[in-house]
């Protein structure tokens, strides 16, 4: 994992608005998708390393399977 990177920094690069890491965790837990954060949600899956993603899930007490379920429901084209 790249040292010094955190999910919030990665997902908000050049984004028109700011998505807090805690809000992303809430959205995943509640299985809701907010279009205003489409860029950041896509970046979570595309730009964060698997290690960063798993560390995020662990920090927020989210089961790993939730990351895949959220992707399947809202991100996968």
C-alpha atoms as a PDB file:
ATOM      1  CA  UNK A   1       0.000   0.000   0.000  1.00  0.00           C
ATOM      2  CA  UNK A   2       1.249   3.463  -0.799  1.00  0.00           C
ATOM      3  CA  UNK A   3       2.270   5.141   2.434  1.00  0.00           C
ATOM      4  CA  UNK A   4       0.497   8.352   3.314  1.00  0.00           C
ATOM      5  CA  UNK A   5      -2.509   7.817   1.046  1.00  0.00           C
ATOM      6  CA  UNK A   6      -5.943   7.647   2.504  1.00  0.00           C
ATOM      7  CA  UNK A   7      -9.217   6.877   0.805  1.00  0.00           C
ATOM      8  CA  UNK A   8     -10.636  10.366   1.246  1.00  0.00           C
ATOM      9  CA  UNK A   9      -7.629  11.942  -0.496  1.00  0.00           C
ATOM     10  CA  UNK A  10      -7.723   9.457  -3.369  1.00  0.00           C
ATOM     11  CA  UNK A  11     -11.434   9.641  -4.159  1.00  0.00           C
ATOM     12  CA  UNK A  12     -11.697  13.430  -4.007  1.00  0.00           C
ATOM     13  CA  UNK A  13      -8.904  14.309  -6.454  1.00  0.00           C
ATOM     14  CA  UNK A  14     -10.355  16.851  -8.905  1.00  0.00           C
ATOM     15  CA  UNK A  15     -13.884  16.063  -7.718  1.00  0.00           C
ATOM     16  CA  UNK A  16     -16.449  18.872  -7.929  1.00  0.00           C
ATOM     17  CA  UNK A  17     -17.484  18.260  -4.312  1.00  0.00           C
ATOM     18  CA  UNK A  18     -16.004  16.502  -1.278  1.00  0.00           C
ATOM     19  CA  UNK A  19     -17.105  13.087  -0.048  1.00  0.00           C
ATOM     20  CA  UNK A  20     -16.045  12.279   3.499  1.00  0.00           C
ATOM     21  CA  UNK A  21     -14.805   8.769   4.111  1.00  0.00           C
ATOM     22  CA  UNK A  22     -17.421   8.288   6.834  1.00  0.00           C
ATOM     23  CA  UNK A  23     -20.220   9.262   4.451  1.00  0.00           C
ATOM     24  CA  UNK A  24     -19.007   6.730   1.873  1.00  0.00           C
ATOM     25  CA  UNK A  25     -19.079   4.065   4.593  1.00  0.00           C
ATOM     26  CA  UNK A  26     -22.643   5.075   5.552  1.00  0.00           C
ATOM     27  CA  UNK A  27     -23.759   4.911   1.932  1.00  0.00           C
ATOM     28  CA  UNK A  28     -22.305   1.423   1.563  1.00  0.00           C
ATOM     29  CA  UNK A  29     -23.853   0.215   4.803  1.00  0.00           C
ATOM     30  CA  UNK A  30     -27.268   1.633   3.884  1.00  0.00           C
ATOM     31  CA  UNK A  31     -26.891   0.475   0.252  1.00  0.00           C
ATOM     32  CA  UNK A  32     -27.719   3.918  -1.130  1.00  0.00           C
ATOM     33  CA  UNK A  33     -26.156   5.690  -4.094  1.00  0.00           C
ATOM     34  CA  UNK A  34     -25.951   9.460  -4.360  1.00  0.00           C
ATOM     35  CA  UNK A  35     -25.353  10.704  -7.911  1.00  0.00           C
ATOM     36  CA  UNK A  36     -23.520  13.780  -6.672  1.00  0.00           C
ATOM     37  CA  UNK A  37     -20.720  11.456  -5.531  1.00  0.00           C
ATOM     38  CA  UNK A  38     -20.592   9.244  -8.635  1.00  0.00           C
ATOM     39  CA  UNK A  39     -17.006  10.313  -9.393  1.00  0.00           C
ATOM     40  CA  UNK A  40     -15.764   9.521  -5.907  1.00  0.00           C
ATOM     41  CA  UNK A  41     -17.552   6.182  -5.726  1.00  0.00           C
ATOM     42  CA  UNK A  42     -16.047   5.138  -9.058  1.00  0.00           C
ATOM     43  CA  UNK A  43     -12.607   6.249  -7.866  1.00  0.00           C
ATOM     44  CA  UNK A  44     -12.915   4.153  -4.721  1.00  0.00           C
ATOM     45  CA  UNK A  45     -13.100   1.049  -6.898  1.00  0.00           C
ATOM     46  CA  UNK A  46     -10.754   2.177  -9.681  1.00  0.00           C
ATOM     47  CA  UNK A  47      -8.040   4.180  -7.922  1.00  0.00           C
ATOM     48  CA  UNK A  48      -7.756   2.773  -4.403  1.00  0.00           C
ATOM     49  CA  UNK A  49      -5.604  -0.308  -4.077  1.00  0.00           C
ATOM     50  CA  UNK A  50      -7.194  -3.481  -2.726  1.00  0.00           C
ATOM     51  CA  UNK A  51      -5.210  -2.922   0.481  1.00  0.00           C
ATOM     52  CA  UNK A  52      -6.603   0.612   0.807  1.00  0.00           C
ATOM     53  CA  UNK A  53     -10.121  -0.635   0.175  1.00  0.00           C
ATOM     54  CA  UNK A  54      -9.822  -3.387   2.786  1.00  0.00           C
ATOM     55  CA  UNK A  55      -8.298  -0.991   5.325  1.00  0.00           C
ATOM     56  CA  UNK A  56     -11.239   1.380   4.717  1.00  0.00           C
ATOM     57  CA  UNK A  57     -13.746  -1.418   5.266  1.00  0.00           C
ATOM     58  CA  UNK A  58     -11.940  -2.480   8.442  1.00  0.00           C
ATOM     59  CA  UNK A  59     -11.762   1.092   9.813  1.00  0.00           C
ATOM     60  CA  UNK A  60     -15.502   1.438   9.437  1.00  0.00           C
ATOM     61  CA  UNK A  61     -16.403  -2.049  10.647  1.00  0.00           C
ATOM     62  CA  UNK A  62     -17.895  -3.049   7.311  1.00  0.00           C
ATOM     63  CA  UNK A  63     -17.829  -6.653   6.092  1.00  0.00           C
ATOM     64  CA  UNK A  64     -15.679  -7.177   3.003  1.00  0.00           C
ATOM     65  CA  UNK A  65     -18.596  -8.718   1.088  1.00  0.00           C
ATOM     66  CA  UNK A  66     -20.418  -5.375   1.335  1.00  0.00           C
ATOM     67  CA  UNK A  67     -17.792  -3.764  -0.902  1.00  0.00           C
ATOM     68  CA  UNK A  68     -18.551  -6.309  -3.645  1.00  0.00           C
ATOM     69  CA  UNK A  69     -22.328  -6.071  -3.157  1.00  0.00           C
ATOM     70  CA  UNK A  70     -22.233  -2.279  -3.425  1.00  0.00           C
ATOM     71  CA  UNK A  71     -20.110  -2.517  -6.571  1.00  0.00           C
ATOM     72  CA  UNK A  72     -22.464  -5.024  -8.175  1.00  0.00           C
ATOM     73  CA  UNK A  73     -25.537  -2.974  -7.356  1.00  0.00           C
ATOM     74  CA  UNK A  74     -24.362   0.548  -8.175  1.00  0.00           C
ATOM     75  CA  UNK A  75     -21.015   0.709  -9.983  1.00  0.00           C
ATOM     76  CA  UNK A  76     -20.685  -2.210 -12.388  1.00  0.00           C
ATOM     77  CA  UNK A  77     -21.822  -1.284 -15.867  1.00  0.00           C
END
